[in-house]
């Protein structure tokens, strides 16, 4: 086994993005979502009869110019470099299911362990309300179901009948403003369902002013 190069990947990411304007809180949660996206369904924690996976639903919330997109960009660049599957910025339920079925891959545990199939996808949207649409209960319900990482997801289509995706794993990282969040989210999603599964990270303003940004 190779030696760790970083004692804490999250702390290293915070240091890596220090000369940027997003707040420390935005950058920390970007790091958490990024490492979750890399882990996919290949990592898990067995806890009695339950199995927990590292997927998270994280949404950066703040007014315009709070540097939400800037924070997310640093994580996305790393994910793009290593080829982690990401969803399109705007997608329908049908397209998301199709994407999951197409990205399914086989993973082999360490030391030549058993082969396992998983369909792992990160939804990455700097304009989350564009992705979710307006009062889209059907999409929100499907995201709630995917959050639990069930071993079998069955979706009924008009044209092709029932489609099945095994071992679904969905991670979500988005950003929006308080006004857009309130406008697009149906009342049924507040306090239960989607919002109970989501970490909303709110900041009033950017963390600092950087005259000459560089990494």
C-alpha atoms as a PDB file:
ATOM      1  CA  UNK A   1       0.000   0.000   0.000  1.00  0.00           C
ATOM      2  CA  UNK A   2       1.395   3.409  -0.976  1.00  0.00           C
ATOM      3  CA  UNK A   3       2.072   6.019   1.687  1.00  0.00           C
ATOM      4  CA  UNK A   4      -0.368   8.918   2.059  1.00  0.00           C
ATOM      5  CA  UNK A   5       0.889  12.116   0.431  1.00  0.00           C
ATOM      6  CA  UNK A   6      -1.502  14.347   2.403  1.00  0.00           C
ATOM      7  CA  UNK A   7      -2.393  13.933   6.057  1.00  0.00           C
ATOM      8  CA  UNK A   8      -5.758  15.611   5.351  1.00  0.00           C
ATOM      9  CA  UNK A   9      -7.036  16.071   1.792  1.00  0.00           C
ATOM     10  CA  UNK A  10      -9.665  18.577   2.899  1.00  0.00           C
ATOM     11  CA  UNK A  11      -7.124  20.737   4.745  1.00  0.00           C
ATOM     12  CA  UNK A  12      -4.837  20.554   1.700  1.00  0.00           C
ATOM     13  CA  UNK A  13      -7.673  21.715  -0.569  1.00  0.00           C
ATOM     14  CA  UNK A  14      -8.350  24.654   1.782  1.00  0.00           C
ATOM     15  CA  UNK A  15      -4.689  25.631   1.518  1.00  0.00           C
ATOM     16  CA  UNK A  16      -4.705  25.099  -2.268  1.00  0.00           C
ATOM     17  CA  UNK A  17      -7.617  27.548  -2.669  1.00  0.00           C
ATOM     18  CA  UNK A  18      -6.438  30.070  -0.073  1.00  0.00           C
ATOM     19  CA  UNK A  19      -5.724  32.796  -2.630  1.00  0.00           C
ATOM     20  CA  UNK A  20      -9.313  32.873  -3.907  1.00  0.00           C
ATOM     21  CA  UNK A  21     -12.303  34.939  -2.831  1.00  0.00           C
ATOM     22  CA  UNK A  22     -14.926  32.382  -1.684  1.00  0.00           C
ATOM     23  CA  UNK A  23     -15.482  32.045   2.049  1.00  0.00           C
ATOM     24  CA  UNK A  24     -13.759  29.340   4.055  1.00  0.00           C
ATOM     25  CA  UNK A  25     -17.118  27.613   4.546  1.00  0.00           C
ATOM     26  CA  UNK A  26     -17.788  27.426   0.798  1.00  0.00           C
ATOM     27  CA  UNK A  27     -14.313  26.059   0.124  1.00  0.00           C
ATOM     28  CA  UNK A  28     -14.562  23.464   2.888  1.00  0.00           C
ATOM     29  CA  UNK A  29     -17.870  22.085   1.634  1.00  0.00           C
ATOM     30  CA  UNK A  30     -16.539  22.117  -1.924  1.00  0.00           C
ATOM     31  CA  UNK A  31     -13.714  19.906  -0.695  1.00  0.00           C
ATOM     32  CA  UNK A  32     -16.161  17.551   1.010  1.00  0.00           C
ATOM     33  CA  UNK A  33     -18.333  17.222  -2.094  1.00  0.00           C
ATOM     34  CA  UNK A  34     -15.286  16.746  -4.329  1.00  0.00           C
ATOM     35  CA  UNK A  35     -13.808  13.913  -2.305  1.00  0.00           C
ATOM     36  CA  UNK A  36     -17.246  12.287  -2.097  1.00  0.00           C
ATOM     37  CA  UNK A  37     -17.515  12.433  -5.897  1.00  0.00           C
ATOM     38  CA  UNK A  38     -14.195  10.594  -6.212  1.00  0.00           C
ATOM     39  CA  UNK A  39     -15.066   7.901  -3.666  1.00  0.00           C
ATOM     40  CA  UNK A  40     -18.305   6.966  -5.483  1.00  0.00           C
ATOM     41  CA  UNK A  41     -19.970   3.704  -4.462  1.00  0.00           C
ATOM     42  CA  UNK A  42     -16.522   2.106  -4.218  1.00  0.00           C
ATOM     43  CA  UNK A  43     -16.354   3.088  -0.544  1.00  0.00           C
ATOM     44  CA  UNK A  44     -18.859   2.282   2.185  1.00  0.00           C
ATOM     45  CA  UNK A  45     -19.339   1.788   5.893  1.00  0.00           C
ATOM     46  CA  UNK A  46     -21.120  -1.339   7.099  1.00  0.00           C
ATOM     47  CA  UNK A  47     -23.034  -0.467  10.266  1.00  0.00           C
ATOM     48  CA  UNK A  48     -25.017  -3.403  11.555  1.00  0.00           C
ATOM     49  CA  UNK A  49     -27.759  -4.127   9.063  1.00  0.00           C
ATOM     50  CA  UNK A  50     -27.211  -0.768   7.340  1.00  0.00           C
ATOM     51  CA  UNK A  51     -24.646   0.244   4.734  1.00  0.00           C
ATOM     52  CA  UNK A  52     -23.698   3.902   4.417  1.00  0.00           C
ATOM     53  CA  UNK A  53     -22.147   5.413   1.289  1.00  0.00           C
ATOM     54  CA  UNK A  54     -20.252   8.744   1.002  1.00  0.00           C
ATOM     55  CA  UNK A  55     -22.720  10.518  -1.306  1.00  0.00           C
ATOM     56  CA  UNK A  56     -23.976  13.901  -0.131  1.00  0.00           C
ATOM     57  CA  UNK A  57     -26.404  16.556  -1.323  1.00  0.00           C
ATOM     58  CA  UNK A  58     -24.707  19.918  -0.755  1.00  0.00           C
ATOM     59  CA  UNK A  59     -26.022  23.310  -1.900  1.00  0.00           C
ATOM     60  CA  UNK A  60     -24.133  26.587  -1.542  1.00  0.00           C
ATOM     61  CA  UNK A  61     -26.619  29.390  -0.879  1.00  0.00           C
ATOM     62  CA  UNK A  62     -25.883  33.104  -0.982  1.00  0.00           C
ATOM     63  CA  UNK A  63     -26.620  36.363  -2.779  1.00  0.00           C
ATOM     64  CA  UNK A  64     -25.169  37.103  -6.210  1.00  0.00           C
ATOM     65  CA  UNK A  65     -21.393  37.713  -6.181  1.00  0.00           C
ATOM     66  CA  UNK A  66     -20.879  35.650  -3.022  1.00  0.00           C
ATOM     67  CA  UNK A  67     -18.451  33.560  -5.113  1.00  0.00           C
ATOM     68  CA  UNK A  68     -20.461  30.332  -5.016  1.00  0.00           C
ATOM     69  CA  UNK A  69     -19.503  29.421  -8.575  1.00  0.00           C
ATOM     70  CA  UNK A  70     -15.868  30.314  -7.957  1.00  0.00           C
ATOM     71  CA  UNK A  71     -15.733  27.888  -5.046  1.00  0.00           C
ATOM     72  CA  UNK A  72     -17.335  25.116  -7.078  1.00  0.00           C
ATOM     73  CA  UNK A  73     -15.028  25.674 -10.048  1.00  0.00           C
ATOM     74  CA  UNK A  74     -11.960  24.586  -8.092  1.00  0.00           C
ATOM     75  CA  UNK A  75     -13.541  21.237  -7.312  1.00  0.00           C
ATOM     76  CA  UNK A  76     -14.894  20.693 -10.810  1.00  0.00           C
ATOM     77  CA  UNK A  77     -11.489  21.241 -12.401  1.00  0.00           C
ATOM     78  CA  UNK A  78     -10.041  18.439 -10.292  1.00  0.00           C
ATOM     79  CA  UNK A  79     -12.935  16.093 -11.104  1.00  0.00           C
ATOM     80  CA  UNK A  80     -12.615  16.808 -14.821  1.00  0.00           C
ATOM     81  CA  UNK A  81      -8.895  16.041 -14.746  1.00  0.00           C
ATOM     82  CA  UNK A  82      -9.417  12.558 -13.337  1.00  0.00           C
ATOM     83  CA  UNK A  83     -12.546  11.804 -15.364  1.00  0.00           C
ATOM     84  CA  UNK A  84     -15.198  11.530 -12.650  1.00  0.00           C
ATOM     85  CA  UNK A  85     -18.647  11.209 -14.310  1.00  0.00           C
ATOM     86  CA  UNK A  86     -20.674  14.422 -13.995  1.00  0.00           C
ATOM     87  CA  UNK A  87     -24.222  15.152 -15.130  1.00  0.00           C
ATOM     88  CA  UNK A  88     -25.155  17.819 -17.652  1.00  0.00           C
ATOM     89  CA  UNK A  89     -25.967  21.277 -16.251  1.00  0.00           C
ATOM     90  CA  UNK A  90     -29.596  20.759 -17.244  1.00  0.00           C
ATOM     91  CA  UNK A  91     -31.250  17.368 -17.558  1.00  0.00           C
ATOM     92  CA  UNK A  92     -34.598  15.594 -17.442  1.00  0.00           C
ATOM     93  CA  UNK A  93     -35.450  12.550 -15.357  1.00  0.00           C
ATOM     94  CA  UNK A  94     -35.242  10.364 -18.449  1.00  0.00           C
ATOM     95  CA  UNK A  95     -31.787  11.644 -19.382  1.00  0.00           C
ATOM     96  CA  UNK A  96     -30.491  11.170 -15.853  1.00  0.00           C
ATOM     97  CA  UNK A  97     -31.645   7.552 -15.799  1.00  0.00           C
ATOM     98  CA  UNK A  98     -30.068   7.010 -19.227  1.00  0.00           C
ATOM     99  CA  UNK A  99     -26.806   8.531 -18.013  1.00  0.00           C
ATOM    100  CA  UNK A 100     -26.752   6.282 -14.951  1.00  0.00           C
ATOM    101  CA  UNK A 101     -27.341   3.184 -17.053  1.00  0.00           C
ATOM    102  CA  UNK A 102     -24.528   4.174 -19.437  1.00  0.00           C
ATOM    103  CA  UNK A 103     -21.872   4.995 -16.840  1.00  0.00           C
ATOM    104  CA  UNK A 104     -22.227   1.740 -14.924  1.00  0.00           C
ATOM    105  CA  UNK A 105     -18.827   0.210 -14.291  1.00  0.00           C
ATOM    106  CA  UNK A 106     -17.237  -2.741 -12.520  1.00  0.00           C
ATOM    107  CA  UNK A 107     -15.029  -2.195  -9.513  1.00  0.00           C
ATOM    108  CA  UNK A 108     -12.671  -4.731  -7.972  1.00  0.00           C
ATOM    109  CA  UNK A 109     -11.959  -4.530  -4.280  1.00  0.00           C
ATOM    110  CA  UNK A 110      -8.374  -4.268  -3.034  1.00  0.00           C
ATOM    111  CA  UNK A 111      -6.212  -7.413  -3.179  1.00  0.00           C
ATOM    112  CA  UNK A 112      -8.205  -8.973  -6.022  1.00  0.00           C
ATOM    113  CA  UNK A 113     -11.480  -9.065  -4.129  1.00  0.00           C
ATOM    114  CA  UNK A 114     -14.910  -9.684  -5.660  1.00  0.00           C
ATOM    115  CA  UNK A 115     -16.094  -7.686  -8.659  1.00  0.00           C
ATOM    116  CA  UNK A 116     -18.958  -5.291  -7.978  1.00  0.00           C
ATOM    117  CA  UNK A 117     -21.047  -3.247 -10.428  1.00  0.00           C
ATOM    118  CA  UNK A 118     -22.011   0.335  -9.610  1.00  0.00           C
ATOM    119  CA  UNK A 119     -23.565   3.310 -11.378  1.00  0.00           C
ATOM    120  CA  UNK A 120     -22.050   6.395  -9.721  1.00  0.00           C
ATOM    121  CA  UNK A 121     -22.854   9.936 -10.857  1.00  0.00           C
ATOM    122  CA  UNK A 122     -22.247  13.405  -9.431  1.00  0.00           C
ATOM    123  CA  UNK A 123     -24.777  16.092 -10.274  1.00  0.00           C
ATOM    124  CA  UNK A 124     -22.736  19.283 -10.478  1.00  0.00           C
ATOM    125  CA  UNK A 125     -24.764  22.447 -11.094  1.00  0.00           C
ATOM    126  CA  UNK A 126     -23.656  26.007 -10.352  1.00  0.00           C
ATOM    127  CA  UNK A 127     -27.245  27.080 -11.126  1.00  0.00           C
ATOM    128  CA  UNK A 128     -29.190  24.454  -9.210  1.00  0.00           C
ATOM    129  CA  UNK A 129     -32.614  25.975  -9.891  1.00  0.00           C
ATOM    130  CA  UNK A 130     -31.978  25.591 -13.631  1.00  0.00           C
ATOM    131  CA  UNK A 131     -31.230  21.916 -13.086  1.00  0.00           C
ATOM    132  CA  UNK A 132     -34.194  21.262 -10.791  1.00  0.00           C
ATOM    133  CA  UNK A 133     -36.679  23.323 -12.776  1.00  0.00           C
ATOM    134  CA  UNK A 134     -39.748  25.023 -11.291  1.00  0.00           C
ATOM    135  CA  UNK A 135     -41.759  23.107  -8.680  1.00  0.00           C
ATOM    136  CA  UNK A 136     -40.496  19.818 -10.160  1.00  0.00           C
ATOM    137  CA  UNK A 137     -41.841  17.327  -7.636  1.00  0.00           C
ATOM    138  CA  UNK A 138     -41.112  14.305  -9.824  1.00  0.00           C
ATOM    139  CA  UNK A 139     -37.403  15.062 -10.146  1.00  0.00           C
ATOM    140  CA  UNK A 140     -37.116  15.871  -6.438  1.00  0.00           C
ATOM    141  CA  UNK A 141     -38.814  12.600  -5.533  1.00  0.00           C
ATOM    142  CA  UNK A 142     -36.393  10.675  -7.698  1.00  0.00           C
ATOM    143  CA  UNK A 143     -33.402  12.445  -6.103  1.00  0.00           C
ATOM    144  CA  UNK A 144     -34.753  11.484  -2.673  1.00  0.00           C
ATOM    145  CA  UNK A 145     -34.921   7.843  -3.750  1.00  0.00           C
ATOM    146  CA  UNK A 146     -31.398   7.912  -5.196  1.00  0.00           C
ATOM    147  CA  UNK A 147     -29.998   9.395  -2.003  1.00  0.00           C
ATOM    148  CA  UNK A 148     -30.504   6.060  -0.249  1.00  0.00           C
ATOM    149  CA  UNK A 149     -28.240   4.225  -2.751  1.00  0.00           C
ATOM    150  CA  UNK A 150     -30.589   1.306  -3.265  1.00  0.00           C
ATOM    151  CA  UNK A 151     -29.208  -1.796  -4.940  1.00  0.00           C
ATOM    152  CA  UNK A 152     -31.974  -1.772  -7.557  1.00  0.00           C
ATOM    153  CA  UNK A 153     -33.693   1.185  -9.195  1.00  0.00           C
ATOM    154  CA  UNK A 154     -36.576   0.490 -11.591  1.00  0.00           C
ATOM    155  CA  UNK A 155     -37.915   3.248 -13.827  1.00  0.00           C
ATOM    156  CA  UNK A 156     -41.021   2.898 -16.003  1.00  0.00           C
ATOM    157  CA  UNK A 157     -40.911   4.602 -19.426  1.00  0.00           C
ATOM    158  CA  UNK A 158     -43.626   5.011 -22.052  1.00  0.00           C
ATOM    159  CA  UNK A 159     -41.450   4.018 -25.002  1.00  0.00           C
ATOM    160  CA  UNK A 160     -39.165   1.321 -23.606  1.00  0.00           C
ATOM    161  CA  UNK A 161     -41.136  -0.068 -20.687  1.00  0.00           C
ATOM    162  CA  UNK A 162     -39.337  -0.720 -17.428  1.00  0.00           C
ATOM    163  CA  UNK A 163     -35.643   0.082 -17.157  1.00  0.00           C
ATOM    164  CA  UNK A 164     -33.459  -1.073 -14.286  1.00  0.00           C
ATOM    165  CA  UNK A 165     -30.186   0.328 -12.961  1.00  0.00           C
ATOM    166  CA  UNK A 166     -28.220  -1.637 -10.385  1.00  0.00           C
ATOM    167  CA  UNK A 167     -26.353  -0.094  -7.431  1.00  0.00           C
ATOM    168  CA  UNK A 168     -27.215   3.548  -8.016  1.00  0.00           C
ATOM    169  CA  UNK A 169     -25.033   6.149  -6.289  1.00  0.00           C
ATOM    170  CA  UNK A 170     -25.783   9.856  -6.762  1.00  0.00           C
ATOM    171  CA  UNK A 171     -23.858  12.771  -5.296  1.00  0.00           C
ATOM    172  CA  UNK A 172     -25.169  16.345  -5.709  1.00  0.00           C
ATOM    173  CA  UNK A 173     -23.333  19.658  -5.500  1.00  0.00           C
ATOM    174  CA  UNK A 174     -25.120  22.862  -6.458  1.00  0.00           C
ATOM    175  CA  UNK A 175     -25.465  26.565  -5.809  1.00  0.00           C
ATOM    176  CA  UNK A 176     -28.303  29.050  -5.804  1.00  0.00           C
ATOM    177  CA  UNK A 177     -29.585  32.255  -4.249  1.00  0.00           C
ATOM    178  CA  UNK A 178     -32.142  32.335  -1.404  1.00  0.00           C
ATOM    179  CA  UNK A 179     -34.751  33.910  -3.680  1.00  0.00           C
ATOM    180  CA  UNK A 180     -34.348  31.353  -6.447  1.00  0.00           C
ATOM    181  CA  UNK A 181     -34.388  28.517  -3.941  1.00  0.00           C
ATOM    182  CA  UNK A 182     -37.659  29.743  -2.453  1.00  0.00           C
ATOM    183  CA  UNK A 183     -39.220  30.263  -5.884  1.00  0.00           C
ATOM    184  CA  UNK A 184     -38.296  26.909  -7.390  1.00  0.00           C
ATOM    185  CA  UNK A 185     -38.794  24.625  -4.403  1.00  0.00           C
ATOM    186  CA  UNK A 186     -42.311  23.293  -3.758  1.00  0.00           C
ATOM    187  CA  UNK A 187     -43.617  23.551  -0.209  1.00  0.00           C
ATOM    188  CA  UNK A 188     -43.741  19.763   0.063  1.00  0.00           C
ATOM    189  CA  UNK A 189     -39.950  19.618  -0.236  1.00  0.00           C
ATOM    190  CA  UNK A 190     -39.359  21.872   2.788  1.00  0.00           C
ATOM    191  CA  UNK A 191     -38.787  20.175   6.124  1.00  0.00           C
ATOM    192  CA  UNK A 192     -38.853  16.692   4.640  1.00  0.00           C
ATOM    193  CA  UNK A 193     -37.924  14.895   1.448  1.00  0.00           C
ATOM    194  CA  UNK A 194     -35.243  16.701  -0.511  1.00  0.00           C
ATOM    195  CA  UNK A 195     -34.393  19.423   2.020  1.00  0.00           C
ATOM    196  CA  UNK A 196     -34.003  16.936   4.884  1.00  0.00           C
ATOM    197  CA  UNK A 197     -31.327  15.156   2.834  1.00  0.00           C
ATOM    198  CA  UNK A 198     -29.501  18.324   1.783  1.00  0.00           C
ATOM    199  CA  UNK A 199     -26.827  20.379   3.525  1.00  0.00           C
ATOM    200  CA  UNK A 200     -27.493  24.056   2.755  1.00  0.00           C
ATOM    201  CA  UNK A 201     -24.383  26.200   3.266  1.00  0.00           C
ATOM    202  CA  UNK A 202     -25.242  29.900   3.541  1.00  0.00           C
ATOM    203  CA  UNK A 203     -22.873  32.869   3.386  1.00  0.00           C
ATOM    204  CA  UNK A 204     -23.736  36.560   3.197  1.00  0.00           C
ATOM    205  CA  UNK A 205     -20.700  37.629   1.188  1.00  0.00           C
ATOM    206  CA  UNK A 206     -17.406  36.517  -0.275  1.00  0.00           C
ATOM    207  CA  UNK A 207     -14.622  35.732   2.126  1.00  0.00           C
ATOM    208  CA  UNK A 208     -12.135  38.379   0.993  1.00  0.00           C
ATOM    209  CA  UNK A 209     -10.994  40.470  -1.914  1.00  0.00           C
ATOM    210  CA  UNK A 210      -8.123  39.031  -3.943  1.00  0.00           C
ATOM    211  CA  UNK A 211      -6.556  41.527  -6.320  1.00  0.00           C
ATOM    212  CA  UNK A 212      -4.265  39.067  -8.079  1.00  0.00           C
ATOM    213  CA  UNK A 213      -5.810  35.566  -7.844  1.00  0.00           C
ATOM    214  CA  UNK A 214      -3.423  32.710  -8.478  1.00  0.00           C
ATOM    215  CA  UNK A 215      -2.890  29.089  -7.493  1.00  0.00           C
END
